[in-house]
Amino acid sequence: MTVQELMERVGDTRTGFVLAYIKDGLIEMTSDNEQFVDEERITITEDQRYYDLPRDYIQVLDIRCKNHLNNRDEYKTIPRMIGKPSMADEDEV
């Protein structure tokens, strides 16, 4: 479909206005999809809190742990903590 056909369908004659809407729509569609998502597995160690992550990471989407709140060998999402911990933190950097 061309811009002209789209303008005829919506009944608008302002080319710049319609092009701005098309660009906004394309940006909106791509922002909803996670692109370049990579999965990384890191072995966790008991009593270790901090881990080194690769420098090319931009965002961590989810952290899952096997047997977290279950005993069926299932991976469950670890809930994110909001705010400061109520107990003193010995590992605080």
Protein backbone atom coordinates (compact mmCIF):
# COMPACT_ATOMS: atom_id res chain seq x y z
CA MET A 1 0.00 0.00 0.00
CA THR A 2 1.34 3.40 -0.92
CA VAL A 3 1.11 6.57 1.16
CA GLN A 4 -1.34 7.96 -1.39
CA GLU A 5 -3.65 4.93 -0.99
CA LEU A 6 -3.46 5.23 2.78
CA MET A 7 -4.30 8.94 2.60
CA GLU A 8 -7.33 8.16 0.44
CA ARG A 9 -8.54 5.48 2.88
CA VAL A 10 -8.30 7.72 5.94
CA GLY A 11 -9.59 10.78 4.11
CA ASP A 12 -6.65 13.08 4.84
CA THR A 13 -4.73 15.18 2.31
CA ARG A 14 -1.84 16.32 4.53
CA THR A 15 1.12 14.24 3.36
CA GLY A 16 3.53 15.29 6.12
CA PHE A 17 0.93 14.59 8.80
CA VAL A 18 0.18 11.09 7.47
CA LEU A 19 3.90 10.28 7.09
CA ALA A 20 4.46 11.30 10.73
CA TYR A 21 1.68 8.92 11.80
CA ILE A 22 3.19 6.09 9.74
CA LYS A 23 6.65 6.64 11.29
CA ASP A 24 5.15 6.79 14.79
CA GLY A 25 3.29 3.53 14.13
CA LEU A 26 6.44 1.77 12.93
CA ILE A 27 8.38 2.91 16.00
CA GLU A 28 5.53 1.77 18.26
CA MET A 29 5.44 -1.68 16.63
CA THR A 30 9.18 -2.23 17.00
CA SER A 31 9.29 -1.01 20.60
CA ASP A 32 6.87 -3.74 21.71
CA ASN A 33 9.08 -6.54 20.38
CA GLU A 34 12.29 -7.54 22.12
CA GLN A 35 14.95 -7.83 19.45
CA PHE A 36 18.39 -9.33 19.88
CA VAL A 37 17.41 -11.24 23.02
CA ASP A 38 20.13 -13.64 24.10
CA GLU A 39 19.89 -16.28 26.80
CA GLU A 40 22.80 -16.80 29.15
CA ARG A 41 23.18 -19.49 31.81
CA ILE A 42 25.33 -18.78 34.83
CA THR A 43 26.06 -21.29 37.55
CA ILE A 44 25.24 -19.81 40.93
CA THR A 45 27.27 -20.51 44.05
CA GLU A 46 25.94 -20.77 47.57
CA ASP A 47 26.53 -17.63 49.68
CA GLN A 48 27.69 -15.60 46.65
CA ARG A 49 25.62 -12.52 45.95
CA TYR A 50 27.41 -10.65 43.15
CA TYR A 51 28.26 -12.09 39.74
CA ASP A 52 30.11 -10.65 36.76
CA LEU A 53 27.90 -10.17 33.72
CA PRO A 54 29.17 -9.67 30.17
CA ARG A 55 29.80 -6.01 29.28
CA ASP A 56 27.56 -6.14 26.21
CA TYR A 57 24.44 -6.72 28.31
CA ILE A 58 21.99 -3.87 28.03
CA GLN A 59 19.06 -5.17 30.06
CA VAL A 60 18.31 -8.24 32.17
CA LEU A 61 14.75 -9.33 31.41
CA ASP A 62 14.33 -12.26 33.78
CA ILE A 63 16.27 -14.34 36.29
CA ARG A 64 15.14 -17.89 36.93
CA CYS A 65 16.38 -20.42 39.44
CA LYS A 66 15.85 -24.17 39.51
CA ASN A 67 13.90 -25.45 42.54
CA HIS A 68 13.09 -21.91 43.72
CA LEU A 69 9.99 -22.28 45.92
CA ASN A 70 9.37 -25.78 44.56
CA ASN A 71 10.91 -29.25 44.63
CA ARG A 72 9.91 -30.44 41.16
CA ASP A 73 13.09 -29.37 39.31
CA GLU A 74 11.22 -26.44 37.75
CA TYR A 75 12.75 -23.08 36.91
CA LYS A 76 10.87 -20.22 38.60
CA THR A 77 11.37 -16.49 38.28
CA ILE A 78 13.12 -14.90 41.24
CA PRO A 79 11.07 -11.87 42.30
CA ARG A 80 12.73 -8.50 42.02
CA MET A 81 13.35 -6.68 45.27
CA ILE A 82 12.14 -3.10 45.41
CA GLY A 83 13.68 -0.78 47.95
CA LYS A 84 16.47 -1.34 50.44
CA PRO A 85 16.74 -4.61 52.37
CA SER A 86 15.46 -4.47 55.93
CA MET A 87 18.45 -6.47 57.25
CA ALA A 88 22.08 -5.35 57.21
CA ASP A 89 23.99 -6.50 54.15
CA GLU A 90 27.46 -7.94 54.80
CA ASP A 91 28.29 -8.07 51.07
CA GLU A 92 27.42 -4.44 50.34
CA VAL A 93 29.96 -2.94 47.97
